[in-house]
């Protein structure tokens, strides 16, 4: 959640002096876990964190997310919108598409992603592999500064780039998931000048999660630009799978979240509070609506299970 920094340095970034862009993944459930989602699954937004986890989704899903970032800061309206869709193609292959849009008064970003995952068994161990292709768009808003800046006059007000990510998950024992993601494989240059001074650094994430009863703790180790970072969280779901709670943290934020399920609709909320450089804010707020198209047979099975629980 570093968009406020992006906007402070926005024109420097256009010239090619900043590498920060396109690194937010604004989905409510993962955000509530401190973004430690490389080895987690359960909803369509997983394609943004590790496309390999798409193979765990057995039904078609649609997700819509809106986030209002750094509420209370009178600087610039920072908003994120995310639309995701996934569907099984065969018994072993699942595909997904997502569109992420960030907007402010000065600057806009868009990311169109196409993802696919395949699952198989390797010596008795369930394995999934996945890949994501991305089309990135940068758009600068015309104002009194851009009207006279030579860079914008020569290069224009927008730029389109491509990117690629690949991931893998393994489930060596019941309840344990290990995941790995390599992001920014193509290392696109986000500067308008195109001089190579704002190349997005390659990122490698390793994740682990372990489901034990109603609780699932998870943690990620991130390596980028020669530095390591950590993030982690824990998720709780009620026995009925109707209500969920989660919390998490990373080097710059503490996070909390909750979920409520009504039929095929899951409502996720996340609250993110920055703990380092940004002050005077009421935090960032995200809400997601996930529609899981459950097959008729599975609905009947769930109904039978609920009746048994009542007895």
Protein backbone atom coordinates (compact mmCIF):
# COMPACT_ATOMS: atom_id res chain seq x y z
CA UNK A 1 0.00 0.00 0.00
CA UNK A 2 2.52 2.54 -1.14
CA UNK A 3 0.41 4.64 -3.52
CA UNK A 4 0.79 7.80 -1.44
CA UNK A 5 4.52 7.57 -2.03
CA UNK A 6 3.93 7.05 -5.73
CA UNK A 7 1.92 10.25 -5.95
CA UNK A 8 4.51 12.30 -4.08
CA UNK A 9 7.13 11.17 -6.62
CA UNK A 10 4.83 10.86 -9.58
CA UNK A 11 6.64 13.08 -12.03
CA UNK A 12 10.02 11.79 -10.95
CA UNK A 13 8.71 8.32 -11.71
CA UNK A 14 7.67 9.40 -15.17
CA UNK A 15 11.22 10.53 -15.77
CA UNK A 16 12.49 7.17 -14.59
CA UNK A 17 13.74 7.60 -11.05
CA UNK A 18 11.36 5.28 -9.17
CA UNK A 19 10.66 1.56 -9.37
CA UNK A 20 7.43 1.63 -7.39
CA UNK A 21 4.30 0.79 -9.34
CA UNK A 22 1.89 -2.06 -9.95
CA UNK A 23 2.81 -3.77 -6.68
CA UNK A 24 -0.55 -3.53 -4.91
CA UNK A 25 -2.87 -6.56 -4.93
CA UNK A 26 -6.07 -5.07 -3.50
CA UNK A 27 -8.26 -8.06 -2.58
CA UNK A 28 -9.93 -8.05 0.83
CA UNK A 29 -9.28 -11.59 2.08
CA UNK A 30 -5.53 -11.66 1.25
CA UNK A 31 -5.10 -8.10 2.52
CA UNK A 32 -6.56 -9.11 5.87
CA UNK A 33 -3.75 -11.67 6.13
CA UNK A 34 -1.00 -9.11 5.60
CA UNK A 35 -0.71 -10.20 1.93
CA UNK A 36 0.68 -13.59 3.00
CA UNK A 37 -1.28 -15.51 0.36
CA UNK A 38 1.29 -17.37 -1.75
CA UNK A 39 0.29 -20.71 -0.17
CA UNK A 40 -3.42 -19.89 0.34
CA UNK A 41 -6.45 -20.48 -1.84
CA UNK A 42 -10.21 -20.52 -1.59
CA UNK A 43 -11.25 -17.62 -3.80
CA UNK A 44 -10.57 -16.28 -7.27
CA UNK A 45 -8.30 -13.43 -6.10
CA UNK A 46 -5.59 -16.03 -5.51
CA UNK A 47 -4.56 -15.58 -9.16
CA UNK A 48 -2.95 -12.25 -8.15
CA UNK A 49 -0.81 -13.89 -5.47
CA UNK A 50 0.01 -17.29 -6.97
CA UNK A 51 -1.76 -18.43 -10.14
CA UNK A 52 -1.01 -22.08 -9.27
CA UNK A 53 -3.67 -21.90 -6.53
CA UNK A 54 -6.39 -21.45 -9.16
CA UNK A 55 -6.42 -25.22 -9.54
CA UNK A 56 -8.05 -25.53 -6.09
CA UNK A 57 -11.20 -23.77 -7.34
CA UNK A 58 -13.76 -26.37 -8.40
CA UNK A 59 -16.49 -23.96 -9.55
CA UNK A 60 -16.85 -20.78 -11.58
CA UNK A 61 -16.29 -17.64 -9.47
CA UNK A 62 -16.65 -13.88 -9.90
CA UNK A 63 -15.19 -11.35 -7.47
CA UNK A 64 -15.55 -7.57 -7.28
CA UNK A 65 -13.38 -5.49 -4.91
CA UNK A 66 -13.32 -1.81 -4.05
CA UNK A 67 -10.72 -0.22 -1.80
CA UNK A 68 -10.41 3.30 -0.42
CA UNK A 69 -6.80 3.91 0.55
CA UNK A 70 -5.47 6.07 3.38
CA UNK A 71 -8.84 7.45 4.42
CA UNK A 72 -8.57 10.85 6.09
CA UNK A 73 -5.58 12.17 4.15
CA UNK A 74 -6.56 15.31 2.24
CA UNK A 75 -4.07 14.84 -0.54
CA UNK A 76 -5.55 12.89 -3.37
CA UNK A 77 -8.43 10.46 -3.77
CA UNK A 78 -6.79 7.04 -3.92
CA UNK A 79 -9.10 4.28 -5.12
CA UNK A 80 -8.64 0.71 -6.32
CA UNK A 81 -11.09 -1.48 -8.18
CA UNK A 82 -10.62 -5.17 -8.99
CA UNK A 83 -12.72 -7.58 -11.06
CA UNK A 84 -11.78 -11.29 -11.18
CA UNK A 85 -13.31 -14.28 -12.93
CA UNK A 86 -12.23 -17.93 -13.00
CA UNK A 87 -13.65 -21.20 -14.26
CA UNK A 88 -12.50 -24.81 -14.51
CA UNK A 89 -11.71 -25.74 -18.11
CA UNK A 90 -11.13 -29.44 -17.54
CA UNK A 91 -10.80 -31.63 -14.46
CA UNK A 92 -7.15 -30.60 -14.16
CA UNK A 93 -7.01 -27.09 -15.69
CA UNK A 94 -8.50 -23.81 -14.41
CA UNK A 95 -8.28 -20.40 -16.11
CA UNK A 96 -8.91 -16.88 -14.85
CA UNK A 97 -8.98 -13.26 -15.93
CA UNK A 98 -8.76 -10.09 -13.83
CA UNK A 99 -8.79 -6.34 -14.32
CA UNK A 100 -7.25 -4.03 -11.72
CA UNK A 101 -7.70 -0.26 -11.89
CA UNK A 102 -6.09 2.35 -9.65
CA UNK A 103 -7.12 6.00 -9.91
CA UNK A 104 -6.14 9.33 -8.40
CA UNK A 105 -6.37 12.96 -9.46
CA UNK A 106 -2.86 12.83 -10.93
CA UNK A 107 -2.23 9.31 -12.12
CA UNK A 108 -3.92 6.06 -13.09
CA UNK A 109 -2.87 2.43 -13.53
CA UNK A 110 -4.55 -0.59 -15.06
CA UNK A 111 -3.55 -4.27 -15.13
CA UNK A 112 -5.27 -6.84 -17.32
CA UNK A 113 -4.23 -10.38 -16.31
CA UNK A 114 -4.82 -13.77 -17.89
CA UNK A 115 -3.96 -16.78 -15.73
CA UNK A 116 -4.08 -20.56 -15.99
CA UNK A 117 -3.22 -23.42 -13.62
CA UNK A 118 -2.82 -27.16 -13.97
CA UNK A 119 -2.77 -29.79 -11.21
CA UNK A 120 -1.26 -33.27 -11.14
CA UNK A 121 0.33 -35.79 -8.77
CA UNK A 122 4.08 -36.16 -8.49
CA UNK A 123 5.10 -39.32 -6.59
CA UNK A 124 1.84 -39.12 -4.67
CA UNK A 125 2.19 -35.42 -3.82
CA UNK A 126 -0.47 -33.04 -5.24
CA UNK A 127 1.26 -30.34 -7.30
CA UNK A 128 -0.12 -27.30 -9.12
CA UNK A 129 1.66 -25.01 -11.55
CA UNK A 130 0.34 -21.73 -12.90
CA UNK A 131 1.28 -18.70 -14.96
CA UNK A 132 -0.06 -15.18 -15.46
CA UNK A 133 0.42 -12.82 -18.38
CA UNK A 134 -0.19 -9.14 -17.70
CA UNK A 135 -0.84 -6.04 -19.77
CA UNK A 136 0.07 -2.94 -17.75
CA UNK A 137 -1.13 0.57 -18.51
CA UNK A 138 0.08 3.90 -17.08
CA UNK A 139 -1.90 7.10 -17.61
CA UNK A 140 -0.90 10.59 -16.46
CA UNK A 141 -3.49 13.34 -16.03
CA UNK A 142 -2.92 16.52 -18.05
CA UNK A 143 -2.32 19.59 -15.89
CA UNK A 144 -0.35 22.84 -15.86
CA UNK A 145 2.90 20.95 -15.23
CA UNK A 146 2.58 18.29 -17.92
CA UNK A 147 1.54 20.89 -20.49
CA UNK A 148 5.06 22.40 -20.45
CA UNK A 149 7.26 19.45 -19.44
CA UNK A 150 9.39 18.23 -22.36
CA UNK A 151 9.16 14.60 -21.26
CA UNK A 152 5.37 14.51 -21.53
CA UNK A 153 5.44 16.55 -24.75
CA UNK A 154 7.86 14.08 -26.35
CA UNK A 155 6.70 10.75 -24.90
CA UNK A 156 2.99 11.37 -24.41
CA UNK A 157 0.77 10.84 -21.39
CA UNK A 158 0.56 7.04 -21.27
CA UNK A 159 2.53 3.85 -21.66
CA UNK A 160 1.67 0.17 -22.13
CA UNK A 161 3.88 -2.71 -21.00
CA UNK A 162 3.72 -6.48 -20.58
CA UNK A 163 4.74 -8.65 -17.66
CA UNK A 164 4.73 -12.31 -16.63
CA UNK A 165 4.57 -14.35 -13.41
CA UNK A 166 4.75 -18.07 -12.62
CA UNK A 167 4.01 -20.08 -9.51
CA UNK A 168 3.87 -23.55 -8.01
CA UNK A 169 2.24 -25.16 -4.98
CA UNK A 170 2.82 -28.52 -3.29
CA UNK A 171 0.76 -30.32 -0.64
CA UNK A 172 3.13 -32.93 0.83
CA UNK A 173 0.90 -33.79 3.81
CA UNK A 174 -2.73 -33.20 4.68
CA UNK A 175 -3.34 -29.54 5.64
CA UNK A 176 0.13 -28.30 4.63
CA UNK A 177 0.63 -26.17 1.52
CA UNK A 178 3.94 -24.86 0.20
CA UNK A 179 3.97 -22.20 -2.51
CA UNK A 180 6.42 -20.21 -4.60
CA UNK A 181 5.89 -17.29 -6.98
CA UNK A 182 8.31 -15.54 -9.34
CA UNK A 183 6.87 -12.14 -10.29
CA UNK A 184 8.00 -9.42 -12.71
CA UNK A 185 9.81 -12.02 -14.81
CA UNK A 186 10.01 -9.66 -17.81
CA UNK A 187 11.18 -6.74 -15.61
CA UNK A 188 9.35 -4.00 -17.56
CA UNK A 189 10.61 -0.41 -17.51
CA UNK A 190 7.77 1.76 -16.17
CA UNK A 191 9.38 5.12 -16.98
CA UNK A 192 8.00 7.22 -19.81
CA UNK A 193 11.55 8.03 -20.88
CA UNK A 194 12.31 4.34 -21.45
CA UNK A 195 15.94 4.79 -20.39
CA UNK A 196 15.98 1.66 -18.21
CA UNK A 197 16.23 3.55 -14.92
CA UNK A 198 12.81 2.41 -13.61
CA UNK A 199 12.84 -1.33 -14.23
CA UNK A 200 10.47 -3.26 -11.97
CA UNK A 201 12.59 -5.60 -9.83
CA UNK A 202 12.04 -9.33 -10.05
CA UNK A 203 10.29 -10.64 -6.94
CA UNK A 204 10.44 -14.16 -5.50
CA UNK A 205 7.94 -15.20 -2.83
CA UNK A 206 7.94 -18.41 -0.83
CA UNK A 207 4.89 -19.25 1.25
CA UNK A 208 3.64 -21.82 3.74
CA UNK A 209 0.22 -22.43 5.27
CA UNK A 210 -1.15 -25.14 7.52
CA UNK A 211 -4.84 -25.79 8.09
CA UNK A 212 -5.50 -27.17 11.57
CA UNK A 213 -9.17 -27.42 12.45
CA UNK A 214 -10.79 -24.00 12.18
CA UNK A 215 -7.46 -22.12 11.99
CA UNK A 216 -4.99 -21.62 9.15
CA UNK A 217 -1.73 -19.75 9.89
CA UNK A 218 0.23 -18.59 6.86
CA UNK A 219 3.53 -16.81 6.18
CA UNK A 220 5.49 -15.52 3.18
CA UNK A 221 9.16 -14.73 2.67
CA UNK A 222 9.78 -12.16 -0.09
CA UNK A 223 13.07 -11.55 -1.86
CA UNK A 224 13.48 -8.51 -4.09
CA UNK A 225 16.36 -6.18 -4.99
CA UNK A 226 18.74 -8.06 -2.69
CA UNK A 227 16.51 -7.68 0.37
CA UNK A 228 14.30 -10.07 2.33
CA UNK A 229 10.91 -9.24 3.82
CA UNK A 230 8.34 -11.18 5.84
CA UNK A 231 4.58 -11.16 6.13
CA UNK A 232 2.16 -13.44 7.90
CA UNK A 233 -1.31 -13.93 9.28
CA UNK A 234 -3.86 -16.36 10.63
CA UNK A 235 -7.40 -17.10 9.46
CA UNK A 236 -10.33 -18.58 11.39
CA UNK A 237 -13.54 -20.03 9.94
CA UNK A 238 -16.54 -21.15 11.97
CA UNK A 239 -17.65 -24.79 11.80
CA UNK A 240 -20.50 -23.79 9.48
CA UNK A 241 -18.10 -21.91 7.15
CA UNK A 242 -20.45 -18.91 7.36
CA UNK A 243 -18.26 -16.56 9.40
CA UNK A 244 -14.52 -15.92 9.20
CA UNK A 245 -11.94 -13.73 10.94
CA UNK A 246 -8.32 -12.99 10.10
CA UNK A 247 -5.39 -10.79 11.05
CA UNK A 248 -1.91 -10.24 9.71
CA UNK A 249 1.12 -8.01 9.48
CA UNK A 250 4.04 -7.14 7.24
CA UNK A 251 6.94 -4.72 7.45
CA UNK A 252 4.73 -1.69 6.84
CA UNK A 253 1.20 -2.61 7.96
CA UNK A 254 -1.01 -4.37 10.45
CA UNK A 255 -4.20 -5.84 9.03
CA UNK A 256 -7.55 -7.24 10.12
CA UNK A 257 -10.40 -8.82 8.20
CA UNK A 258 -13.72 -10.61 8.37
CA UNK A 259 -15.97 -12.66 6.09
CA UNK A 260 -19.65 -13.54 5.98
CA UNK A 261 -21.21 -16.08 3.62
CA UNK A 262 -24.81 -15.87 2.40
CA UNK A 263 -25.66 -18.71 0.04
CA UNK A 264 -23.25 -18.45 -2.90
CA UNK A 265 -22.10 -14.94 -1.93
CA UNK A 266 -19.07 -14.34 0.29
CA UNK A 267 -18.53 -10.81 1.65
CA UNK A 268 -14.95 -10.02 2.70
CA UNK A 269 -13.74 -6.90 4.49
CA UNK A 270 -10.19 -5.80 5.33
CA UNK A 271 -8.74 -2.94 7.36
CA UNK A 272 -5.11 -1.99 6.77
CA UNK A 273 -3.22 0.42 9.00
CA UNK A 274 0.26 1.72 8.05
CA UNK A 275 2.83 1.61 10.86
CA UNK A 276 5.84 3.28 9.30
CA UNK A 277 5.94 6.50 7.29
CA UNK A 278 2.29 7.49 6.79
CA UNK A 279 0.44 9.25 9.62
CA UNK A 280 -2.85 11.09 10.02
CA UNK A 281 -4.92 8.41 8.29
CA UNK A 282 -7.82 6.20 9.31
CA UNK A 283 -6.26 3.37 7.35
CA UNK A 284 -7.29 1.68 4.13
CA UNK A 285 -10.59 -0.16 3.75
CA UNK A 286 -11.35 -2.94 1.28
CA UNK A 287 -14.55 -4.84 0.58
CA UNK A 288 -14.97 -7.79 -1.79
CA UNK A 289 -18.05 -9.59 -3.06
CA UNK A 290 -17.33 -13.14 -4.23
CA UNK A 291 -19.98 -15.11 -6.09
CA UNK A 292 -19.23 -18.83 -6.06
CA UNK A 293 -21.37 -20.74 -8.55
CA UNK A 294 -21.86 -23.94 -6.53
CA UNK A 295 -23.10 -26.95 -8.48
CA UNK A 296 -26.54 -28.33 -7.63
CA UNK A 297 -25.16 -31.60 -6.23
CA UNK A 298 -22.81 -29.74 -3.90
CA UNK A 299 -25.62 -27.49 -2.68
CA UNK A 300 -27.62 -30.60 -1.74
CA UNK A 301 -24.59 -32.04 0.08
CA UNK A 302 -24.16 -28.82 2.07
CA UNK A 303 -27.86 -28.81 2.94
CA UNK A 304 -27.62 -32.38 4.26
CA UNK A 305 -24.53 -31.48 6.31
CA UNK A 306 -26.29 -28.49 7.90
CA UNK A 307 -29.30 -30.66 8.83
CA UNK A 308 -26.98 -33.19 10.48
CA UNK A 309 -25.27 -30.39 12.45
CA UNK A 310 -28.64 -29.15 13.75
CA UNK A 311 -29.54 -32.66 14.93
